[in-house]
Amino acid sequence: MDERGITHFCLGNGALKCDGCDKEKNWQTLNQLPDALRLSIQKSAARIDDTECILAGRPWHGGNQPTKGA
């Protein structure tokens, strides 16, 4: 996926079950971009709270849709 397809990102928390999550990969992709482009994409993309995701059973992991509003 390139940066044009990023609509959600997660900072991740280092938990093993978060490994491989495409939302965390989106964050890693964003961090490789020049600041102006990264900030522009972040403004339009939704940040997923990693703690909330974990407590909700990781509904965002692997591209799944959320179980409640994000």
N, C-alpha and C. Protein backbone atom coordinates (compact mmCIF):
# COMPACT_ATOMS: atom_id res chain seq x y z
N MET A 1 0.84 -1.18 0.00
CA MET A 1 0.00 0.00 0.00
C MET A 1 0.88 1.24 0.00
N ASP A 2 0.48 2.23 -0.79
CA ASP A 2 1.22 3.48 -0.74
C ASP A 2 0.46 4.48 0.12
N GLU A 3 1.05 5.64 0.32
CA GLU A 3 0.48 6.61 1.24
C GLU A 3 -0.90 7.13 0.82
N ARG A 4 -1.25 7.03 -0.45
CA ARG A 4 -2.56 7.53 -0.90
C ARG A 4 -3.71 6.70 -0.35
N GLY A 5 -3.45 5.47 0.04
CA GLY A 5 -4.51 4.61 0.55
C GLY A 5 -4.64 4.59 2.07
N ILE A 6 -3.89 5.43 2.76
CA ILE A 6 -3.92 5.42 4.22
C ILE A 6 -5.11 6.22 4.72
N THR A 7 -6.05 5.53 5.33
CA THR A 7 -7.21 6.19 5.93
C THR A 7 -7.22 6.03 7.44
N HIS A 8 -6.46 5.06 7.95
CA HIS A 8 -6.35 4.80 9.38
C HIS A 8 -4.91 4.43 9.70
N PHE A 9 -4.48 4.79 10.90
CA PHE A 9 -3.15 4.38 11.35
C PHE A 9 -3.17 4.16 12.85
N CYS A 10 -2.24 3.37 13.33
CA CYS A 10 -2.11 3.07 14.76
C CYS A 10 -0.64 3.14 15.12
N LEU A 11 -0.35 3.74 16.25
CA LEU A 11 1.04 3.85 16.68
C LEU A 11 1.59 2.50 17.15
N GLY A 12 0.70 1.57 17.43
CA GLY A 12 1.14 0.25 17.90
C GLY A 12 1.63 0.35 19.34
N ASN A 13 1.81 -0.76 19.95
CA ASN A 13 2.28 -0.74 21.34
C ASN A 13 3.34 -1.79 21.59
N GLY A 14 3.75 -2.49 20.58
CA GLY A 14 4.78 -3.51 20.75
C GLY A 14 4.25 -4.86 21.21
N ALA A 15 2.96 -4.98 21.42
CA ALA A 15 2.40 -6.27 21.83
C ALA A 15 2.52 -7.27 20.69
N LEU A 16 2.82 -8.50 21.03
CA LEU A 16 3.02 -9.53 20.00
C LEU A 16 1.80 -9.69 19.11
N LYS A 17 0.60 -9.60 19.68
CA LYS A 17 -0.60 -9.80 18.88
C LYS A 17 -0.86 -8.62 17.93
N CYS A 18 -0.13 -7.52 18.11
CA CYS A 18 -0.27 -6.38 17.21
C CYS A 18 0.70 -6.50 16.02
N ASP A 19 1.67 -7.39 16.12
CA ASP A 19 2.63 -7.57 15.04
C ASP A 19 1.91 -7.92 13.75
N GLY A 20 2.28 -7.26 12.68
CA GLY A 20 1.70 -7.54 11.38
C GLY A 20 0.42 -6.78 11.09
N CYS A 21 -0.04 -5.97 12.03
CA CYS A 21 -1.27 -5.22 11.80
C CYS A 21 -1.02 -4.16 10.72
N ASP A 22 -1.92 -4.12 9.74
CA ASP A 22 -1.71 -3.17 8.64
C ASP A 22 -1.87 -1.73 9.09
N LYS A 23 -2.59 -1.47 10.17
CA LYS A 23 -2.73 -0.09 10.66
C LYS A 23 -1.42 0.40 11.26
N GLU A 24 -0.68 -0.49 11.91
CA GLU A 24 0.64 -0.12 12.42
C GLU A 24 1.62 0.06 11.26
N LYS A 25 1.48 -0.77 10.24
CA LYS A 25 2.33 -0.61 9.04
C LYS A 25 2.07 0.74 8.38
N ASN A 26 0.81 1.20 8.42
CA ASN A 26 0.50 2.52 7.87
C ASN A 26 1.27 3.60 8.61
N TRP A 27 1.38 3.47 9.93
CA TRP A 27 2.14 4.44 10.72
C TRP A 27 3.61 4.41 10.32
N GLN A 28 4.15 3.24 10.12
CA GLN A 28 5.55 3.12 9.70
C GLN A 28 5.75 3.74 8.33
N THR A 29 4.78 3.57 7.43
CA THR A 29 4.85 4.20 6.10
C THR A 29 4.82 5.71 6.23
N LEU A 30 3.91 6.22 7.06
CA LEU A 30 3.82 7.66 7.25
C LEU A 30 5.13 8.25 7.75
N ASN A 31 5.79 7.54 8.63
CA ASN A 31 7.05 8.05 9.20
C ASN A 31 8.19 8.09 8.21
N GLN A 32 8.04 7.48 7.07
CA GLN A 32 9.07 7.51 6.04
C GLN A 32 8.86 8.66 5.06
N LEU A 33 7.74 9.35 5.18
CA LEU A 33 7.40 10.43 4.25
C LEU A 33 7.97 11.77 4.73
N PRO A 34 8.15 12.70 3.80
CA PRO A 34 8.54 14.05 4.21
C PRO A 34 7.46 14.63 5.13
N ASP A 35 7.87 15.47 6.08
CA ASP A 35 6.94 15.98 7.09
C ASP A 35 5.68 16.60 6.52
N ALA A 36 5.80 17.43 5.50
CA ALA A 36 4.62 18.12 4.95
C ALA A 36 3.60 17.10 4.44
N LEU A 37 4.05 16.09 3.73
CA LEU A 37 3.14 15.07 3.20
C LEU A 37 2.56 14.23 4.33
N ARG A 38 3.40 13.83 5.26
CA ARG A 38 2.95 13.01 6.40
C ARG A 38 1.88 13.74 7.19
N LEU A 39 2.11 15.00 7.50
CA LEU A 39 1.14 15.75 8.30
C LEU A 39 -0.17 15.94 7.55
N SER A 40 -0.10 16.12 6.26
CA SER A 40 -1.30 16.27 5.45
C SER A 40 -2.14 14.99 5.48
N ILE A 41 -1.49 13.86 5.34
CA ILE A 41 -2.21 12.57 5.36
C ILE A 41 -2.77 12.30 6.76
N GLN A 42 -1.99 12.61 7.80
CA GLN A 42 -2.45 12.39 9.17
C GLN A 42 -3.70 13.21 9.48
N LYS A 43 -3.81 14.39 8.90
CA LYS A 43 -4.99 15.23 9.14
C LYS A 43 -6.26 14.56 8.64
N SER A 44 -6.16 13.86 7.53
CA SER A 44 -7.35 13.24 6.95
C SER A 44 -7.55 11.79 7.39
N ALA A 45 -6.54 11.18 7.97
CA ALA A 45 -6.64 9.78 8.41
C ALA A 45 -7.04 9.72 9.88
N ALA A 46 -7.69 8.65 10.25
CA ALA A 46 -8.11 8.46 11.65
C ALA A 46 -7.04 7.68 12.40
N ARG A 47 -6.70 8.17 13.59
CA ARG A 47 -5.75 7.46 14.44
C ARG A 47 -6.53 6.48 15.32
N ILE A 48 -6.09 5.24 15.31
CA ILE A 48 -6.71 4.20 16.12
C ILE A 48 -5.96 4.14 17.45
N ASP A 49 -6.69 4.22 18.53
CA ASP A 49 -6.09 4.13 19.86
C ASP A 49 -5.73 2.67 20.11
N ASP A 50 -4.44 2.40 20.27
CA ASP A 50 -3.99 1.02 20.41
C ASP A 50 -4.53 0.35 21.67
N THR A 51 -4.62 1.07 22.77
CA THR A 51 -5.15 0.48 24.01
C THR A 51 -6.62 0.12 23.84
N GLU A 52 -7.40 1.02 23.26
CA GLU A 52 -8.82 0.74 23.03
C GLU A 52 -8.99 -0.45 22.10
N CYS A 53 -8.17 -0.53 21.08
CA CYS A 53 -8.24 -1.65 20.14
C CYS A 53 -7.95 -2.97 20.84
N ILE A 54 -6.92 -2.99 21.68
CA ILE A 54 -6.56 -4.21 22.41
C ILE A 54 -7.70 -4.63 23.33
N LEU A 55 -8.24 -3.66 24.09
CA LEU A 55 -9.31 -3.97 25.03
C LEU A 55 -10.59 -4.43 24.35
N ALA A 56 -10.79 -3.98 23.11
CA ALA A 56 -11.98 -4.36 22.35
C ALA A 56 -11.78 -5.68 21.60
N GLY A 57 -10.64 -6.32 21.77
CA GLY A 57 -10.39 -7.59 21.10
C GLY A 57 -9.74 -7.43 19.73
N ARG A 58 -9.09 -6.31 19.50
CA ARG A 58 -8.35 -6.00 18.26
C ARG A 58 -9.23 -6.02 17.01
N PRO A 59 -10.33 -5.26 17.03
CA PRO A 59 -11.21 -5.25 15.87
C PRO A 59 -10.57 -4.64 14.62
N TRP A 60 -9.54 -3.85 14.77
CA TRP A 60 -8.89 -3.21 13.63
C TRP A 60 -7.74 -4.05 13.08
N HIS A 61 -7.29 -5.05 13.81
CA HIS A 61 -6.11 -5.82 13.39
C HIS A 61 -6.35 -6.51 12.06
N GLY A 62 -5.39 -6.39 11.18
CA GLY A 62 -5.46 -7.09 9.90
C GLY A 62 -6.47 -6.53 8.94
N GLY A 63 -6.96 -5.31 9.19
CA GLY A 63 -7.88 -4.69 8.26
C GLY A 63 -9.34 -4.94 8.56
N ASN A 64 -9.65 -5.57 9.69
CA ASN A 64 -11.05 -5.78 10.03
C ASN A 64 -11.74 -4.46 10.32
N GLN A 65 -13.03 -4.44 10.18
CA GLN A 65 -13.81 -3.24 10.49
C GLN A 65 -14.04 -3.16 11.99
N PRO A 66 -14.17 -1.95 12.51
CA PRO A 66 -14.38 -1.80 13.96
C PRO A 66 -15.74 -2.33 14.40
N THR A 67 -15.81 -2.73 15.67
CA THR A 67 -17.07 -3.18 16.21
C THR A 67 -17.91 -2.03 16.71
N LYS A 68 -17.28 -0.89 16.95
CA LYS A 68 -18.00 0.31 17.35
C LYS A 68 -17.31 1.49 16.70
N GLY A 69 -17.92 2.65 16.75
CA GLY A 69 -17.37 3.84 16.09
C GLY A 69 -15.93 4.11 16.46
N ALA A 70 -15.17 4.55 15.49
CA ALA A 70 -13.75 4.82 15.73
C ALA A 70 -13.48 6.29 15.69
